[in-house]
Amino acid sequence: MSNPVHVTESSFEAEVLKADLPVLADFWADWCAPCRMLAPVVDDLAREYAGRLKVAKVDVDENPRLAVDYGIMSIPTLALFKKGKLVDRFIGYMPDAQLKQKLETALNAGTITVGAN
């Protein structure tokens, strides 16, 4: 998959929790300026990590239950799921080089380091 998949409350379980690959879920909203800044970075990650990482986008205004269920208090929040479990997250904008470094470490080592900002 080369583009982020837009998920909803009804598709979240199938697309994120039951995914075969690790999933980076971008919790965002249209009105959020940092979310808009992060959007092209998220799109690039979906293309660059195709086959290794699934990227999902969750509009918190359209899917408020997911935001509540996962404790999303600020956006953007990127949440990393592995085998259906939330394993780490980070809040706010992160430059693409820093984000890629953390993702590489997490994917190559099998341990999760995303979220240390």
PDB file of N, CA and C in Angstrom:
ATOM      1  N   MET A   1       0.855  -1.181   0.000  1.00  0.00           N
ATOM      2  CA  MET A   1       0.000   0.000   0.000  1.00  0.00           C
ATOM      3  C   MET A   1       0.893   1.234   0.000  1.00  0.00           C
ATOM      4  N   SER A   2       0.652   2.109  -0.953  1.00  0.00           N
ATOM      5  CA  SER A   2       1.556   3.241  -1.073  1.00  0.00           C
ATOM      6  C   SER A   2       0.954   4.543  -0.568  1.00  0.00           C
ATOM      7  N   ASN A   3      -0.308   4.552  -0.231  1.00  0.00           N
ATOM      8  CA  ASN A   3      -0.946   5.745   0.313  1.00  0.00           C
ATOM      9  C   ASN A   3      -1.540   5.418   1.674  1.00  0.00           C
ATOM     10  N   PRO A   4      -1.635   6.410   2.544  1.00  0.00           N
ATOM     11  CA  PRO A   4      -2.293   6.145   3.828  1.00  0.00           C
ATOM     12  C   PRO A   4      -3.746   5.723   3.593  1.00  0.00           C
ATOM     13  N   VAL A   5      -4.227   4.851   4.442  1.00  0.00           N
ATOM     14  CA  VAL A   5      -5.619   4.431   4.380  1.00  0.00           C
ATOM     15  C   VAL A   5      -6.396   5.266   5.399  1.00  0.00           C
ATOM     16  N   HIS A   6      -7.510   5.820   4.973  1.00  0.00           N
ATOM     17  CA  HIS A   6      -8.353   6.599   5.882  1.00  0.00           C
ATOM     18  C   HIS A   6      -9.272   5.627   6.607  1.00  0.00           C
ATOM     19  N   VAL A   7      -9.175   5.611   7.930  1.00  0.00           N
ATOM     20  CA  VAL A   7      -9.973   4.666   8.707  1.00  0.00           C
ATOM     21  C   VAL A   7     -11.023   5.404   9.526  1.00  0.00           C
ATOM     22  N   THR A   8     -12.083   4.682   9.820  1.00  0.00           N
ATOM     23  CA  THR A   8     -13.191   5.201  10.604  1.00  0.00           C
ATOM     24  C   THR A   8     -13.402   4.297  11.806  1.00  0.00           C
ATOM     25  N   GLU A   9     -14.335   4.682  12.645  1.00  0.00           N
ATOM     26  CA  GLU A   9     -14.646   3.845  13.801  1.00  0.00           C
ATOM     27  C   GLU A   9     -15.063   2.444  13.361  1.00  0.00           C
ATOM     28  N   SER A  10     -15.752   2.332  12.228  1.00  0.00           N
ATOM     29  CA  SER A  10     -16.207   1.020  11.782  1.00  0.00           C
ATOM     30  C   SER A  10     -15.106   0.200  11.105  1.00  0.00           C
ATOM     31  N   SER A  11     -14.069   0.849  10.558  1.00  0.00           N
ATOM     32  CA  SER A  11     -13.016   0.095   9.873  1.00  0.00           C
ATOM     33  C   SER A  11     -11.718  -0.008  10.676  1.00  0.00           C
ATOM     34  N   PHE A  12     -11.640   0.645  11.826  1.00  0.00           N
ATOM     35  CA  PHE A  12     -10.398   0.704  12.598  1.00  0.00           C
ATOM     36  C   PHE A  12      -9.908  -0.686  13.007  1.00  0.00           C
ATOM     37  N   GLU A  13     -10.812  -1.512  13.497  1.00  0.00           N
ATOM     38  CA  GLU A  13     -10.389  -2.847  13.946  1.00  0.00           C
ATOM     39  C   GLU A  13      -9.757  -3.638  12.806  1.00  0.00           C
ATOM     40  N   ALA A  14     -10.417  -3.675  11.656  1.00  0.00           N
ATOM     41  CA  ALA A  14      -9.904  -4.451  10.522  1.00  0.00           C
ATOM     42  C   ALA A  14      -8.624  -3.846   9.959  1.00  0.00           C
ATOM     43  N   GLU A  15      -8.581  -2.521   9.821  1.00  0.00           N
ATOM     44  CA  GLU A  15      -7.453  -1.864   9.159  1.00  0.00           C
ATOM     45  C   GLU A  15      -6.230  -1.687  10.056  1.00  0.00           C
ATOM     46  N   VAL A  16      -6.455  -1.519  11.360  1.00  0.00           N
ATOM     47  CA  VAL A  16      -5.342  -1.225  12.277  1.00  0.00           C
ATOM     48  C   VAL A  16      -5.092  -2.393  13.228  1.00  0.00           C
ATOM     49  N   LEU A  17      -6.099  -2.776  13.977  1.00  0.00           N
ATOM     50  CA  LEU A  17      -5.886  -3.771  15.027  1.00  0.00           C
ATOM     51  C   LEU A  17      -5.618  -5.172  14.479  1.00  0.00           C
ATOM     52  N   LYS A  18      -6.165  -5.493  13.320  1.00  0.00           N
ATOM     53  CA  LYS A  18      -5.962  -6.826  12.743  1.00  0.00           C
ATOM     54  C   LYS A  18      -4.992  -6.822  11.573  1.00  0.00           C
ATOM     55  N   ALA A  19      -4.267  -5.731  11.398  1.00  0.00           N
ATOM     56  CA  ALA A  19      -3.302  -5.639  10.292  1.00  0.00           C
ATOM     57  C   ALA A  19      -2.128  -6.584  10.512  1.00  0.00           C
ATOM     58  N   ASP A  20      -1.629  -7.127   9.417  1.00  0.00           N
ATOM     59  CA  ASP A  20      -0.461  -8.008   9.486  1.00  0.00           C
ATOM     60  C   ASP A  20       0.818  -7.228   9.760  1.00  0.00           C
ATOM     61  N   LEU A  21       0.879  -6.001   9.267  1.00  0.00           N
ATOM     62  CA  LEU A  21       2.059  -5.145   9.442  1.00  0.00           C
ATOM     63  C   LEU A  21       1.873  -4.238  10.650  1.00  0.00           C
ATOM     64  N   PRO A  22       2.969  -3.692  11.181  1.00  0.00           N
ATOM     65  CA  PRO A  22       2.821  -2.602  12.147  1.00  0.00           C
ATOM     66  C   PRO A  22       2.056  -1.453  11.482  1.00  0.00           C
ATOM     67  N   VAL A  23       1.308  -0.704  12.277  1.00  0.00           N
ATOM     68  CA  VAL A  23       0.505   0.400  11.741  1.00  0.00           C
ATOM     69  C   VAL A  23       0.856   1.686  12.465  1.00  0.00           C
ATOM     70  N   LEU A  24       1.147   2.717  11.680  1.00  0.00           N
ATOM     71  CA  LEU A  24       1.333   4.055  12.210  1.00  0.00           C
ATOM     72  C   LEU A  24       0.040   4.810  11.943  1.00  0.00           C
ATOM     73  N   ALA A  25      -0.709   5.121  13.001  1.00  0.00           N
ATOM     74  CA  ALA A  25      -1.990   5.810  12.864  1.00  0.00           C
ATOM     75  C   ALA A  25      -1.804   7.288  13.175  1.00  0.00           C
ATOM     76  N   ASP A  26      -2.194   8.111  12.221  1.00  0.00           N
ATOM     77  CA  ASP A  26      -2.110   9.562  12.343  1.00  0.00           C
ATOM     78  C   ASP A  26      -3.476  10.082  12.777  1.00  0.00           C
ATOM     79  N   PHE A  27      -3.581  10.517  14.027  1.00  0.00           N
ATOM     80  CA  PHE A  27      -4.804  11.134  14.540  1.00  0.00           C
ATOM     81  C   PHE A  27      -4.705  12.627  14.255  1.00  0.00           C
ATOM     82  N   TRP A  28      -5.634  13.170  13.463  1.00  0.00           N
ATOM     83  CA  TRP A  28      -5.532  14.521  12.936  1.00  0.00           C
ATOM     84  C   TRP A  28      -6.916  15.143  12.775  1.00  0.00           C
ATOM     85  N   ALA A  29      -6.921  16.427  12.375  1.00  0.00           N
ATOM     86  CA  ALA A  29      -8.150  17.135  12.022  1.00  0.00           C
ATOM     87  C   ALA A  29      -7.825  18.193  10.978  1.00  0.00           C
ATOM     88  N   ASP A  30      -8.816  18.525  10.143  1.00  0.00           N
ATOM     89  CA  ASP A  30      -8.640  19.523   9.077  1.00  0.00           C
ATOM     90  C   ASP A  30      -8.185  20.881   9.585  1.00  0.00           C
ATOM     91  N   TRP A  31      -8.706  21.308  10.721  1.00  0.00           N
ATOM     92  CA  TRP A  31      -8.450  22.656  11.242  1.00  0.00           C
ATOM     93  C   TRP A  31      -7.095  22.792  11.942  1.00  0.00           C
ATOM     94  N   CYS A  32      -6.373  21.700  12.098  1.00  0.00           N
ATOM     95  CA  CYS A  32      -5.130  21.661  12.874  1.00  0.00           C
ATOM     96  C   CYS A  32      -3.928  21.972  11.972  1.00  0.00           C
ATOM     97  N   ALA A  33      -3.309  23.141  12.176  1.00  0.00           N
ATOM     98  CA  ALA A  33      -2.157  23.542  11.348  1.00  0.00           C
ATOM     99  C   ALA A  33      -0.980  22.567  11.449  1.00  0.00           C
ATOM    100  N   PRO A  34      -0.571  22.130  12.657  1.00  0.00           N
ATOM    101  CA  PRO A  34       0.522  21.151  12.715  1.00  0.00           C
ATOM    102  C   PRO A  34       0.163  19.829  12.019  1.00  0.00           C
ATOM    103  N   CYS A  35      -1.122  19.468  12.034  1.00  0.00           N
ATOM    104  CA  CYS A  35      -1.555  18.257  11.323  1.00  0.00           C
ATOM    105  C   CYS A  35      -1.326  18.419   9.824  1.00  0.00           C
ATOM    106  N   ARG A  36      -1.656  19.590   9.315  1.00  0.00           N
ATOM    107  CA  ARG A  36      -1.456  19.857   7.883  1.00  0.00           C
ATOM    108  C   ARG A  36       0.032  19.862   7.537  1.00  0.00           C
ATOM    109  N   MET A  37       0.875  20.345   8.453  1.00  0.00           N
ATOM    110  CA  MET A  37       2.326  20.314   8.230  1.00  0.00           C
ATOM    111  C   MET A  37       2.845  18.879   8.192  1.00  0.00           C
ATOM    112  N   LEU A  38       2.275  18.026   9.012  1.00  0.00           N
ATOM    113  CA  LEU A  38       2.726  16.639   9.115  1.00  0.00           C
ATOM    114  C   LEU A  38       2.186  15.761   7.983  1.00  0.00           C
ATOM    115  N   ALA A  39       1.087  16.164   7.357  1.00  0.00           N
ATOM    116  CA  ALA A  39       0.431  15.332   6.339  1.00  0.00           C
ATOM    117  C   ALA A  39       1.362  14.881   5.219  1.00  0.00           C
ATOM    118  N   PRO A  40       2.182  15.764   4.609  1.00  0.00           N
ATOM    119  CA  PRO A  40       3.065  15.272   3.550  1.00  0.00           C
ATOM    120  C   PRO A  40       4.132  14.311   4.061  1.00  0.00           C
ATOM    121  N   VAL A  41       4.556  14.475   5.300  1.00  0.00           N
ATOM    122  CA  VAL A  41       5.517  13.549   5.906  1.00  0.00           C
ATOM    123  C   VAL A  41       4.869  12.169   6.044  1.00  0.00           C
ATOM    124  N   VAL A  42       3.635  12.151   6.511  1.00  0.00           N
ATOM    125  CA  VAL A  42       2.896  10.891   6.667  1.00  0.00           C
ATOM    126  C   VAL A  42       2.693  10.225   5.305  1.00  0.00           C
ATOM    127  N   ASP A  43       2.348  11.016   4.290  1.00  0.00           N
ATOM    128  CA  ASP A  43       2.184  10.468   2.940  1.00  0.00           C
ATOM    129  C   ASP A  43       3.488   9.857   2.433  1.00  0.00           C
ATOM    130  N   ASP A  44       4.605  10.542   2.665  1.00  0.00           N
ATOM    131  CA  ASP A  44       5.914  10.024   2.248  1.00  0.00           C
ATOM    132  C   ASP A  44       6.242   8.720   2.968  1.00  0.00           C
ATOM    133  N   LEU A  45       5.935   8.647   4.257  1.00  0.00           N
ATOM    134  CA  LEU A  45       6.196   7.422   5.016  1.00  0.00           C
ATOM    135  C   LEU A  45       5.411   6.250   4.448  1.00  0.00           C
ATOM    136  N   ALA A  46       4.166   6.500   4.071  1.00  0.00           N
ATOM    137  CA  ALA A  46       3.343   5.426   3.506  1.00  0.00           C
ATOM    138  C   ALA A  46       3.992   4.860   2.245  1.00  0.00           C
ATOM    139  N   ARG A  47       4.529   5.730   1.413  1.00  0.00           N
ATOM    140  CA  ARG A  47       5.188   5.266   0.186  1.00  0.00           C
ATOM    141  C   ARG A  47       6.530   4.604   0.495  1.00  0.00           C
ATOM    142  N   GLU A  48       7.336   5.238   1.330  1.00  0.00           N
ATOM    143  CA  GLU A  48       8.685   4.743   1.605  1.00  0.00           C
ATOM    144  C   GLU A  48       8.676   3.409   2.364  1.00  0.00           C
ATOM    145  N   TYR A  49       7.704   3.226   3.244  1.00  0.00           N
ATOM    146  CA  TYR A  49       7.672   2.025   4.075  1.00  0.00           C
ATOM    147  C   TYR A  49       6.648   1.002   3.602  1.00  0.00           C
ATOM    148  N   ALA A  50       6.155   1.143   2.380  1.00  0.00           N
ATOM    149  CA  ALA A  50       5.191   0.186   1.834  1.00  0.00           C
ATOM    150  C   ALA A  50       5.750  -1.226   1.955  1.00  0.00           C
ATOM    151  N   GLY A  51       4.941  -2.124   2.473  1.00  0.00           N
ATOM    152  CA  GLY A  51       5.369  -3.506   2.669  1.00  0.00           C
ATOM    153  C   GLY A  51       5.976  -3.768   4.036  1.00  0.00           C
ATOM    154  N   ARG A  52       6.373  -2.710   4.739  1.00  0.00           N
ATOM    155  CA  ARG A  52       6.957  -2.860   6.074  1.00  0.00           C
ATOM    156  C   ARG A  52       6.094  -2.232   7.154  1.00  0.00           C
ATOM    157  N   LEU A  53       5.317  -1.220   6.752  1.00  0.00           N
ATOM    158  CA  LEU A  53       4.533  -0.440   7.703  1.00  0.00           C
ATOM    159  C   LEU A  53       3.279   0.034   6.987  1.00  0.00           C
ATOM    160  N   LYS A  54       2.156  -0.118   7.647  1.00  0.00           N
ATOM    161  CA  LYS A  54       0.903   0.419   7.120  1.00  0.00           C
ATOM    162  C   LYS A  54       0.667   1.765   7.792  1.00  0.00           C
ATOM    163  N   VAL A  55       0.232   2.743   7.012  1.00  0.00           N
ATOM    164  CA  VAL A  55      -0.039   4.065   7.553  1.00  0.00           C
ATOM    165  C   VAL A  55      -1.538   4.328   7.448  1.00  0.00           C
ATOM    166  N   ALA A  56      -2.117   4.728   8.568  1.00  0.00           N
ATOM    167  CA  ALA A  56      -3.556   4.996   8.631  1.00  0.00           C
ATOM    168  C   ALA A  56      -3.778   6.423   9.108  1.00  0.00           C
ATOM    169  N   LYS A  57      -4.846   7.045   8.622  1.00  0.00           N
ATOM    170  CA  LYS A  57      -5.215   8.393   9.053  1.00  0.00           C
ATOM    171  C   LYS A  57      -6.587   8.327   9.707  1.00  0.00           C
ATOM    172  N   VAL A  58      -6.679   8.942  10.897  1.00  0.00           N
ATOM    173  CA  VAL A  58      -7.923   8.960  11.655  1.00  0.00           C
ATOM    174  C   VAL A  58      -8.314  10.414  11.912  1.00  0.00           C
ATOM    175  N   ASP A  59      -9.384  10.866  11.286  1.00  0.00           N
ATOM    176  CA  ASP A  59      -9.908  12.219  11.507  1.00  0.00           C
ATOM    177  C   ASP A  59     -10.657  12.200  12.841  1.00  0.00           C
ATOM    178  N   VAL A  60     -10.118  12.904  13.836  1.00  0.00           N
ATOM    179  CA  VAL A  60     -10.701  12.850  15.179  1.00  0.00           C
ATOM    180  C   VAL A  60     -12.063  13.532  15.256  1.00  0.00           C
ATOM    181  N   ASP A  61     -12.336  14.473  14.356  1.00  0.00           N
ATOM    182  CA  ASP A  61     -13.658  15.110  14.351  1.00  0.00           C
ATOM    183  C   ASP A  61     -14.727  14.149  13.848  1.00  0.00           C
ATOM    184  N   GLU A  62     -14.374  13.314  12.882  1.00  0.00           N
ATOM    185  CA  GLU A  62     -15.324  12.352  12.326  1.00  0.00           C
ATOM    186  C   GLU A  62     -15.369  11.058  13.124  1.00  0.00           C
ATOM    187  N   ASN A  63     -14.352  10.810  13.942  1.00  0.00           N
ATOM    188  CA  ASN A  63     -14.241   9.551  14.697  1.00  0.00           C
ATOM    189  C   ASN A  63     -13.887   9.831  16.155  1.00  0.00           C
ATOM    190  N   PRO A  64     -14.752  10.560  16.866  1.00  0.00           N
ATOM    191  CA  PRO A  64     -14.411  10.967  18.234  1.00  0.00           C
ATOM    192  C   PRO A  64     -14.248   9.803  19.205  1.00  0.00           C
ATOM    193  N   ARG A  65     -14.964   8.710  18.970  1.00  0.00           N
ATOM    194  CA  ARG A  65     -14.842   7.564  19.886  1.00  0.00           C
ATOM    195  C   ARG A  65     -13.430   6.987  19.865  1.00  0.00           C
ATOM    196  N   LEU A  66     -12.810   6.944  18.685  1.00  0.00           N
ATOM    197  CA  LEU A  66     -11.434   6.439  18.602  1.00  0.00           C
ATOM    198  C   LEU A  66     -10.478   7.342  19.359  1.00  0.00           C
ATOM    199  N   ALA A  67     -10.682   8.647  19.252  1.00  0.00           N
ATOM    200  CA  ALA A  67      -9.837   9.586  19.986  1.00  0.00           C
ATOM    201  C   ALA A  67      -9.958   9.357  21.488  1.00  0.00           C
ATOM    202  N   VAL A  68     -11.186   9.146  21.966  1.00  0.00           N
ATOM    203  CA  VAL A  68     -11.407   8.881  23.391  1.00  0.00           C
ATOM    204  C   VAL A  68     -10.807   7.532  23.778  1.00  0.00           C
ATOM    205  N   ASP A  69     -11.074   6.499  22.977  1.00  0.00           N
ATOM    206  CA  ASP A  69     -10.598   5.143  23.288  1.00  0.00           C
ATOM    207  C   ASP A  69      -9.078   5.077  23.430  1.00  0.00           C
ATOM    208  N   TYR A  70      -8.362   5.889  22.646  1.00  0.00           N
ATOM    209  CA  TYR A  70      -6.901   5.838  22.666  1.00  0.00           C
ATOM    210  C   TYR A  70      -6.276   7.037  23.369  1.00  0.00           C
ATOM    211  N   GLY A  71      -7.070   7.786  24.108  1.00  0.00           N
ATOM    212  CA  GLY A  71      -6.550   8.864  24.944  1.00  0.00           C
ATOM    213  C   GLY A  71      -5.896   9.984  24.164  1.00  0.00           C
ATOM    214  N   ILE A  72      -6.407  10.277  22.985  1.00  0.00           N
ATOM    215  CA  ILE A  72      -5.833  11.344  22.161  1.00  0.00           C
ATOM    216  C   ILE A  72      -6.339  12.676  22.706  1.00  0.00           C
ATOM    217  N   MET A  73      -5.447  13.432  23.323  1.00  0.00           N
ATOM    218  CA  MET A  73      -5.799  14.705  23.932  1.00  0.00           C
ATOM    219  C   MET A  73      -5.312  15.882  23.105  1.00  0.00           C
ATOM    220  N   SER A  74      -4.290  15.672  22.292  1.00  0.00           N
ATOM    221  CA  SER A  74      -3.727  16.711  21.434  1.00  0.00           C
ATOM    222  C   SER A  74      -3.452  16.101  20.073  1.00  0.00           C
ATOM    223  N   ILE A  75      -3.544  16.933  19.046  1.00  0.00           N
ATOM    224  CA  ILE A  75      -3.230  16.453  17.710  1.00  0.00           C
ATOM    225  C   ILE A  75      -2.239  17.401  17.059  1.00  0.00           C
ATOM    226  N   PRO A  76      -1.420  16.900  16.153  1.00  0.00           N
ATOM    227  CA  PRO A  76      -1.401  15.514  15.706  1.00  0.00           C
ATOM    228  C   PRO A  76      -0.776  14.582  16.746  1.00  0.00           C
ATOM    229  N   THR A  77      -1.302  13.390  16.780  1.00  0.00           N
ATOM    230  CA  THR A  77      -0.699  12.306  17.544  1.00  0.00           C
ATOM    231  C   THR A  77      -0.495  11.152  16.580  1.00  0.00           C
ATOM    232  N   LEU A  78       0.710  10.636  16.533  1.00  0.00           N
ATOM    233  CA  LEU A  78       1.006   9.436  15.764  1.00  0.00           C
ATOM    234  C   LEU A  78       1.114   8.284  16.747  1.00  0.00           C
ATOM    235  N   ALA A  79       0.328   7.253  16.496  1.00  0.00           N
ATOM    236  CA  ALA A  79       0.300   6.096  17.382  1.00  0.00           C
ATOM    237  C   ALA A  79       0.782   4.871  16.610  1.00  0.00           C
ATOM    238  N   LEU A  80       1.683   4.119  17.212  1.00  0.00           N
ATOM    239  CA  LEU A  80       2.225   2.937  16.568  1.00  0.00           C
ATOM    240  C   LEU A  80       1.598   1.690  17.179  1.00  0.00           C
ATOM    241  N   PHE A  81       0.991   0.889  16.326  1.00  0.00           N
ATOM    242  CA  PHE A  81       0.350  -0.358  16.742  1.00  0.00           C
ATOM    243  C   PHE A  81       1.125  -1.529  16.173  1.00  0.00           C
ATOM    244  N   LYS A  82       1.302  -2.550  17.009  1.00  0.00           N
ATOM    245  CA  LYS A  82       1.903  -3.809  16.564  1.00  0.00           C
ATOM    246  C   LYS A  82       1.025  -4.938  17.067  1.00  0.00           C
ATOM    247  N   LYS A  83       0.619  -5.794  16.145  1.00  0.00           N
ATOM    248  CA  LYS A  83      -0.216  -6.948  16.477  1.00  0.00           C
ATOM    249  C   LYS A  83      -1.436  -6.540  17.295  1.00  0.00           C
ATOM    250  N   GLY A  84      -2.051  -5.428  16.913  1.00  0.00           N
ATOM    251  CA  GLY A  84      -3.291  -4.995  17.544  1.00  0.00           C
ATOM    252  C   GLY A  84      -3.135  -4.227  18.830  1.00  0.00           C
ATOM    253  N   LYS A  85      -1.909  -3.981  19.250  1.00  0.00           N
ATOM    254  CA  LYS A  85      -1.680  -3.267  20.505  1.00  0.00           C
ATOM    255  C   LYS A  85      -0.997  -1.927  20.253  1.00  0.00           C
ATOM    256  N   LEU A  86      -1.462  -0.918  20.976  1.00  0.00           N
ATOM    257  CA  LEU A  86      -0.811   0.387  20.937  1.00  0.00           C
ATOM    258  C   LEU A  86       0.498   0.250  21.702  1.00  0.00           C
ATOM    259  N   VAL A  87       1.619   0.435  21.003  1.00  0.00           N
ATOM    260  CA  VAL A  87       2.910   0.226  21.648  1.00  0.00           C
ATOM    261  C   VAL A  87       3.645   1.524  21.932  1.00  0.00           C
ATOM    262  N   ASP A  88       3.324   2.581  21.196  1.00  0.00           N
ATOM    263  CA  ASP A  88       3.933   3.874  21.494  1.00  0.00           C
ATOM    264  C   ASP A  88       3.235   4.952  20.696  1.00  0.00           C
ATOM    265  N   ARG A  89       3.507   6.196  21.079  1.00  0.00           N
ATOM    266  CA  ARG A  89       2.930   7.341  20.382  1.00  0.00           C
ATOM    267  C   ARG A  89       3.788   8.561  20.628  1.00  0.00           C
ATOM    268  N   PHE A  90       3.606   9.521  19.758  1.00  0.00           N
ATOM    269  CA  PHE A  90       4.174  10.824  20.051  1.00  0.00           C
ATOM    270  C   PHE A  90       3.202  11.892  19.580  1.00  0.00           C
ATOM    271  N   ILE A  91       3.326  13.027  20.230  1.00  0.00           N
ATOM    272  CA  ILE A  91       2.368  14.105  20.059  1.00  0.00           C
ATOM    273  C   ILE A  91       3.064  15.304  19.435  1.00  0.00           C
ATOM    274  N   GLY A  92       2.430  15.896  18.441  1.00  0.00           N
ATOM    275  CA  GLY A  92       2.969  17.096  17.818  1.00  0.00           C
ATOM    276  C   GLY A  92       3.765  16.789  16.570  1.00  0.00           C
ATOM    277  N   TYR A  93       4.181  17.844  15.927  1.00  0.00           N
ATOM    278  CA  TYR A  93       4.947  17.721  14.690  1.00  0.00           C
ATOM    279  C   TYR A  93       6.356  17.224  14.988  1.00  0.00           C
ATOM    280  N   MET A  94       6.845  16.335  14.135  1.00  0.00           N
ATOM    281  CA  MET A  94       8.221  15.857  14.222  1.00  0.00           C
ATOM    282  C   MET A  94       8.811  15.899  12.819  1.00  0.00           C
ATOM    283  N   PRO A  95      10.001  16.450  12.647  1.00  0.00           N
ATOM    284  CA  PRO A  95      10.618  16.478  11.316  1.00  0.00           C
ATOM    285  C   PRO A  95      10.767  15.073  10.747  1.00  0.00           C
ATOM    286  N   ASP A  96      10.669  14.963   9.432  1.00  0.00           N
ATOM    287  CA  ASP A  96      10.666  13.642   8.812  1.00  0.00           C
ATOM    288  C   ASP A  96      11.925  12.838   9.086  1.00  0.00           C
ATOM    289  N   ALA A  97      13.078  13.467   9.114  1.00  0.00           N
ATOM    290  CA  ALA A  97      14.317  12.718   9.370  1.00  0.00           C
ATOM    291  C   ALA A  97      14.298  12.082  10.753  1.00  0.00           C
ATOM    292  N   GLN A  98      13.837  12.816  11.742  1.00  0.00           N
ATOM    293  CA  GLN A  98      13.770  12.289  13.104  1.00  0.00           C
ATOM    294  C   GLN A  98      12.737  11.166  13.187  1.00  0.00           C
ATOM    295  N   LEU A  99      11.601  11.347  12.549  1.00  0.00           N
ATOM    296  CA  LEU A  99      10.563  10.329  12.547  1.00  0.00           C
ATOM    297  C   LEU A  99      11.043   9.059  11.855  1.00  0.00           C
ATOM    298  N   LYS A 100      11.701   9.198  10.717  1.00  0.00           N
ATOM    299  CA  LYS A 100      12.210   8.028   9.990  1.00  0.00           C
ATOM    300  C   LYS A 100      13.255   7.280  10.809  1.00  0.00           C
ATOM    301  N   GLN A 101      14.105   8.016  11.503  1.00  0.00           N
ATOM    302  CA  GLN A 101      15.121   7.364  12.333  1.00  0.00           C
ATOM    303  C   GLN A 101      14.456   6.510  13.408  1.00  0.00           C
ATOM    304  N   LYS A 102      13.445   7.046  14.060  1.00  0.00           N
ATOM    305  CA  LYS A 102      12.755   6.304  15.107  1.00  0.00           C
ATOM    306  C   LYS A 102      12.004   5.098  14.536  1.00  0.00           C
ATOM    307  N   LEU A 103      11.391   5.279  13.373  1.00  0.00           N
ATOM    308  CA  LEU A 103      10.693   4.160  12.749  1.00  0.00           C
ATOM    309  C   LEU A 103      11.657   3.066  12.326  1.00  0.00           C
ATOM    310  N   GLU A 104      12.793   3.445  11.753  1.00  0.00           N
ATOM    311  CA  GLU A 104      13.800   2.451  11.362  1.00  0.00           C
ATOM    312  C   GLU A 104      14.252   1.636  12.569  1.00  0.00           C
ATOM    313  N   THR A 105      14.533   2.320  13.653  1.00  0.00           N
ATOM    314  CA  THR A 105      14.958   1.630  14.872  1.00  0.00           C
ATOM    315  C   THR A 105      13.874   0.652  15.325  1.00  0.00           C
ATOM    316  N   ALA A 106      12.636   1.117  15.339  1.00  0.00           N
ATOM    317  CA  ALA A 106      11.532   0.275  15.792  1.00  0.00           C
ATOM    318  C   ALA A 106      11.319  -0.922  14.876  1.00  0.00           C
ATOM    319  N   LEU A 107      11.362  -0.694  13.574  1.00  0.00           N
ATOM    320  CA  LEU A 107      11.090  -1.773  12.629  1.00  0.00           C
ATOM    321  C   LEU A 107      12.249  -2.763  12.534  1.00  0.00           C
ATOM    322  N   ASN A 108      13.485  -2.277  12.584  1.00  0.00           N
ATOM    323  CA  ASN A 108      14.640  -3.163  12.446  1.00  0.00           C
ATOM    324  C   ASN A 108      14.950  -3.925  13.717  1.00  0.00           C
ATOM    325  N   ALA A 109      14.803  -3.285  14.847  1.00  0.00           N
ATOM    326  CA  ALA A 109      15.163  -3.925  16.103  1.00  0.00           C
ATOM    327  C   ALA A 109      14.003  -4.714  16.696  1.00  0.00           C
ATOM    328  N   GLY A 110      12.804  -4.445  16.199  1.00  0.00           N
ATOM    329  CA  GLY A 110      11.650  -5.123  16.770  1.00  0.00           C
ATOM    330  C   GLY A 110      11.213  -4.505  18.073  1.00  0.00           C
ATOM    331  N   THR A 111      11.870  -3.435  18.467  1.00  0.00           N
ATOM    332  CA  THR A 111      11.467  -2.713  19.684  1.00  0.00           C
ATOM    333  C   THR A 111      10.943  -1.359  19.261  1.00  0.00           C
ATOM    334  N   ILE A 112      10.160  -0.771  20.106  1.00  0.00           N
ATOM    335  CA  ILE A 112       9.502   0.482  19.766  1.00  0.00           C
ATOM    336  C   ILE A 112      10.185   1.625  20.492  1.00  0.00           C
ATOM    337  N   THR A 113      10.623   2.610  19.713  1.00  0.00           N
ATOM    338  CA  THR A 113      11.236   3.787  20.318  1.00  0.00           C
ATOM    339  C   THR A 113      10.520   5.063  19.917  1.00  0.00           C
ATOM    340  N   VAL A 114       9.537   4.974  19.027  1.00  0.00           N
ATOM    341  CA  VAL A 114       8.794   6.157  18.617  1.00  0.00           C
ATOM    342  C   VAL A 114       8.073   6.717  19.843  1.00  0.00           C
ATOM    343  N   GLY A 115       8.148   8.011  20.019  1.00  0.00           N
ATOM    344  CA  GLY A 115       7.418   8.625  21.121  1.00  0.00           C
ATOM    345  C   GLY A 115       8.292   9.330  22.114  1.00  0.00           C
ATOM    346  N   ALA A 116       9.563   9.316  21.895  1.00  0.00           N
ATOM    347  CA  ALA A 116      10.458   9.902  22.885  1.00  0.00           C
ATOM    348  C   ALA A 116      10.691  11.383  22.631  1.00  0.00           C
ATOM    349  N   ASN A 117       9.630  12.116  22.347  1.00  0.00           N
ATOM    350  CA  ASN A 117       9.844  13.556  22.166  1.00  0.00           C
ATOM    351  C   ASN A 117       9.289  14.326  23.339  1.00  0.00           C
TER     352      ASN A 117
END
